[in-house]
N, C-alpha and C. Protein backbone atom coordinates (compact mmCIF):
# COMPACT_ATOMS: atom_id res chain seq x y z
N MET A 1 0.77 -1.04 0.01
CA MET A 1 0.39 0.20 -0.34
C MET A 1 0.85 1.31 -0.20
N LYS A 2 0.61 2.43 -0.81
CA LYS A 2 1.62 3.12 -0.93
C LYS A 2 0.99 4.75 0.42
N VAL A 3 1.69 5.55 0.61
CA VAL A 3 1.72 6.27 1.81
C VAL A 3 0.02 7.17 1.40
N LYS A 4 0.23 7.51 -0.25
CA LYS A 4 -1.04 8.48 0.20
C LYS A 4 -2.33 7.49 0.53
N ASP A 5 -2.54 6.54 0.11
CA ASP A 5 -3.68 5.30 0.42
C ASP A 5 -3.95 5.33 2.24
N VAL A 6 -2.43 4.85 2.80
CA VAL A 6 -2.57 4.67 4.06
C VAL A 6 -3.38 6.17 4.80
N VAL A 7 -2.71 6.86 4.43
CA VAL A 7 -3.00 8.54 4.79
C VAL A 7 -4.92 8.84 4.72
N ALA A 8 -5.09 8.45 3.70
CA ALA A 8 -6.55 8.51 3.52
C ALA A 8 -7.54 7.35 4.29
N GLU A 9 -7.06 6.48 4.10
CA GLU A 9 -7.43 5.25 5.42
C GLU A 9 -7.32 5.41 6.41
N ARG A 10 -6.01 6.41 7.12
CA ARG A 10 -6.66 6.63 8.21
C ARG A 10 -7.40 7.80 8.82
N PHE A 11 -7.46 8.60 8.14
CA PHE A 11 -8.36 9.63 7.95
C PHE A 11 -9.92 8.87 8.17
N LYS A 12 -10.21 8.34 7.35
CA LYS A 12 -11.43 7.72 7.23
C LYS A 12 -11.87 6.66 8.36
N LYS A 13 -10.54 6.19 9.30
CA LYS A 13 -10.68 5.76 10.20
C LYS A 13 -11.45 6.98 11.26
N LEU A 14 -10.08 7.52 11.54
CA LEU A 14 -10.27 8.64 12.00
C LEU A 14 -11.86 9.28 12.58
N CYS A 15 -12.18 9.13 11.25
CA CYS A 15 -13.83 9.98 11.28
C CYS A 15 -14.73 9.22 11.81
N GLU A 16 -14.78 7.86 11.52
CA GLU A 16 -15.42 6.57 11.70
C GLU A 16 -15.19 6.73 13.19
N GLU A 17 -14.32 6.78 13.64
CA GLU A 17 -14.15 6.78 15.26
C GLU A 17 -15.42 8.06 16.13
N ARG A 18 -14.47 8.83 14.99
CA ARG A 18 -15.46 10.59 16.03
C ARG A 18 -16.64 10.34 15.82
N LYS A 19 -17.39 9.23 14.38
CA LYS A 19 -18.76 9.66 14.53
C LYS A 19 -19.00 10.90 13.14
N ILE A 20 -17.93 11.10 12.22
CA ILE A 20 -17.98 12.60 11.66
C ILE A 20 -17.82 11.86 10.28
N THR A 21 -18.63 12.91 9.05
CA THR A 21 -18.03 12.24 7.81
C THR A 21 -17.02 13.04 7.45
N ILE A 22 -16.39 12.53 5.99
CA ILE A 22 -15.28 13.21 5.62
C ILE A 22 -15.75 14.84 4.92
N ASN A 23 -16.98 15.12 4.90
CA ASN A 23 -17.34 16.62 4.62
C ASN A 23 -17.14 17.14 5.76
N GLU A 24 -17.94 17.11 7.03
CA GLU A 24 -17.27 17.58 8.81
C GLU A 24 -16.19 17.52 8.87
N LEU A 25 -15.31 16.80 8.75
CA LEU A 25 -13.90 16.98 8.72
C LEU A 25 -13.26 18.03 8.17
N ALA A 26 -13.77 18.34 6.63
CA ALA A 26 -13.41 19.12 5.85
C ALA A 26 -13.58 20.46 6.18
N ASN A 27 -15.20 20.62 7.08
CA ASN A 27 -15.50 22.10 7.38
C ASN A 27 -14.81 22.13 8.69
N ILE A 28 -14.68 21.52 9.37
CA ILE A 28 -14.02 21.79 10.68
C ILE A 28 -12.10 22.33 10.58
N SER A 29 -11.88 21.77 9.39
CA SER A 29 -11.01 22.12 9.24
C SER A 29 -10.00 23.37 8.46
N GLY A 30 -11.16 23.82 8.06
CA GLY A 30 -10.93 24.84 7.06
C GLY A 30 -10.50 24.56 5.65
N VAL A 31 -10.47 23.10 5.37
CA VAL A 31 -10.75 22.69 4.12
C VAL A 31 -11.71 22.71 3.02
N THR A 32 -11.50 23.10 2.05
CA THR A 32 -13.11 22.81 1.22
C THR A 32 -13.38 21.37 0.71
N PRO A 33 -14.84 20.91 0.59
CA PRO A 33 -15.04 19.89 1.34
C PRO A 33 -14.48 18.91 -0.50
N SER A 34 -14.10 19.65 -1.76
CA SER A 34 -13.81 19.19 -2.83
C SER A 34 -12.15 18.40 -2.56
N THR A 35 -11.54 19.34 -1.62
CA THR A 35 -10.16 18.90 -1.61
C THR A 35 -10.20 18.17 -0.73
N ALA A 36 -10.95 17.66 0.25
CA ALA A 36 -11.05 16.20 1.24
C ALA A 36 -11.30 15.04 0.29
N TYR A 37 -12.62 15.22 -0.29
CA TYR A 37 -13.15 13.90 -1.23
C TYR A 37 -11.95 13.85 -2.19
N SER A 38 -10.98 14.94 -2.64
CA SER A 38 -9.70 14.66 -3.50
C SER A 38 -8.90 13.66 -3.16
N MET A 39 -8.40 14.17 -1.73
CA MET A 39 -7.60 13.82 -1.37
C MET A 39 -7.81 12.05 -1.00
N MET A 40 -9.25 11.83 -0.77
CA MET A 40 -9.50 10.50 -0.24
C MET A 40 -9.73 9.52 -1.48
N SER A 41 -9.52 10.38 -2.54
CA SER A 41 -9.74 9.51 -3.95
C SER A 41 -8.83 8.68 -4.17
N ALA A 42 -8.88 7.45 -4.67
CA ALA A 42 -7.82 6.26 -5.36
C ALA A 42 -7.20 7.35 -6.91
N LYS A 43 -7.82 7.88 -7.12
CA LYS A 43 -7.60 8.73 -8.37
C LYS A 43 -6.35 9.81 -8.01
N ARG A 44 -6.17 10.48 -7.18
CA ARG A 44 -5.49 11.28 -6.60
C ARG A 44 -3.68 11.11 -6.72
N ARG A 45 -3.01 11.90 -6.99
CA ARG A 45 -1.64 11.90 -7.40
C ARG A 45 -1.00 12.03 -5.98
N ASP A 46 -1.39 12.92 -5.65
CA ASP A 46 -0.19 13.32 -4.21
C ASP A 46 -1.09 13.63 -3.13
N VAL A 47 -0.40 13.65 -2.17
CA VAL A 47 -1.22 14.33 -0.74
C VAL A 47 -0.88 15.12 -0.25
N SER A 48 -0.84 16.46 0.41
CA SER A 48 -0.33 17.62 0.73
C SER A 48 -0.28 17.62 2.11
N VAL A 49 0.83 17.64 2.54
CA VAL A 49 1.45 17.92 3.92
C VAL A 49 0.36 18.97 4.73
N VAL A 50 0.40 20.21 3.98
CA VAL A 50 -0.62 21.02 4.31
C VAL A 50 -1.58 20.60 5.37
N THR A 51 -2.45 19.87 4.41
CA THR A 51 -4.15 19.07 4.41
C THR A 51 -4.05 18.84 5.65
N VAL A 52 -2.71 17.66 5.35
CA VAL A 52 -3.05 16.33 6.37
C VAL A 52 -2.74 17.61 7.93
N LYS A 53 -1.85 18.22 7.74
CA LYS A 53 -1.80 19.35 9.15
C LYS A 53 -3.10 19.54 9.47
N LYS A 54 -3.59 20.63 8.08
CA LYS A 54 -5.19 20.63 8.60
C LYS A 54 -6.53 20.07 9.31
N PHE A 55 -6.33 18.90 8.71
CA PHE A 55 -7.03 17.67 9.22
C PHE A 55 -6.91 17.30 10.50
N CYS A 56 -5.04 17.25 10.68
CA CYS A 56 -4.74 17.01 12.26
C CYS A 56 -5.68 18.05 12.97
N ASP A 57 -5.25 19.24 12.72
CA ASP A 57 -5.77 20.26 13.35
C ASP A 57 -7.20 20.15 13.80
N GLY A 58 -8.10 19.61 12.68
CA GLY A 58 -9.71 19.70 12.93
C GLY A 58 -9.77 18.76 13.85
N LEU A 59 -9.19 17.64 14.00
CA LEU A 59 -9.40 16.80 14.75
C LEU A 59 -8.74 16.95 16.13
N GLU A 60 -8.00 17.99 16.05
CA GLU A 60 -7.31 17.97 17.50
C GLU A 60 -6.30 16.99 17.98
N ILE A 61 -5.41 16.56 17.00
CA ILE A 61 -4.46 15.73 16.93
C ILE A 61 -2.95 16.15 16.52
N THR A 62 -1.96 16.14 16.78
CA THR A 62 -0.63 16.48 16.45
C THR A 62 -0.45 15.56 15.07
N LEU A 63 0.39 16.01 14.16
CA LEU A 63 1.23 15.31 13.08
C LEU A 63 1.71 14.21 13.70
N GLY A 64 2.62 13.96 14.81
CA GLY A 64 2.85 12.92 15.54
C GLY A 64 2.09 12.17 15.73
N GLU A 65 0.86 12.01 16.22
CA GLU A 65 -0.05 11.12 17.04
C GLU A 65 -0.78 10.44 15.61
N PHE A 66 -0.91 11.46 14.34
CA PHE A 66 -1.77 10.69 13.56
C PHE A 66 -0.62 9.99 12.99
N PHE A 67 0.77 9.74 12.68
CA PHE A 67 1.57 9.32 12.01
C PHE A 67 2.36 8.34 12.97
N SER A 68 1.48 8.07 14.11
CA SER A 68 2.58 7.31 14.88
C SER A 68 1.34 5.91 14.95
N ALA A 69 0.58 5.85 13.98
CA ALA A 69 -0.08 4.37 13.79
C ALA A 69 0.55 3.53 13.00
N PRO A 70 0.50 2.53 13.17
CA PRO A 70 1.42 0.98 12.88
C PRO A 70 1.25 1.12 11.42
N GLU A 71 -0.08 1.42 10.81
CA GLU A 71 -0.12 1.16 9.47
C GLU A 71 1.00 2.38 8.68
N PHE A 72 1.47 3.32 9.20
CA PHE A 72 2.73 4.03 8.49
C PHE A 72 3.91 2.74 8.80
N ASP A 73 3.99 2.28 9.16
CA ASP A 73 5.44 1.42 9.99
C ASP A 73 5.88 0.32 8.91
N ASN A 74 4.96 -0.02 7.72
CA ASN A 74 5.32 -1.21 7.18
C ASN A 74 5.17 -0.98 5.29
N LEU A 75 4.94 0.63 5.11
CA LEU A 75 4.59 1.01 3.99
C LEU A 75 5.60 0.41 3.05
N GLU A 76 5.38 0.46 1.71
CA GLU A 76 6.21 -0.27 0.73
C GLU A 76 7.23 1.21 0.14
N GLN A 77 8.04 0.62 -0.15
CA GLN A 77 9.23 2.01 -0.28
C GLN A 77 8.47 2.79 -1.82
N GLU A 78 8.71 3.69 -1.89
CA GLU A 78 8.09 5.02 -2.71
C GLU A 78 9.02 4.43 -4.16
N ILE A 79 10.30 5.23 -3.69
CA ILE A 79 11.05 5.03 -5.19
C ILE A 79 11.20 3.36 -5.67
N ARG A 80 11.23 4.01 -7.12
CA ARG A 80 10.98 2.85 -7.62
C ARG A 80 12.58 2.72 -8.39
C-alpha cells in the first residue's frame, strides 16, 4: 500500500471513530469539501502535508499522533 492510500485510510478511520463524515472533517479543518474528497479518492496523485496538518488540527491531534499509527511502519518503498 502506498503512503497516500494509508493517509486516506487513517483519516477515514479517525472520522468513523469520531462519528463524523469527511465533509464534516473538511468543514472543521477549514478545507474545502472538494479538497477533502479529492484527497480521499484513489485517483489522487499526491497528498499535501499542509492538508494533512489542517485535518489533524480539525481532529485536535498532532502530526506525530497521526503518523504514529502502525499502518505507517510497513509501507512499501516509494522509490522505484
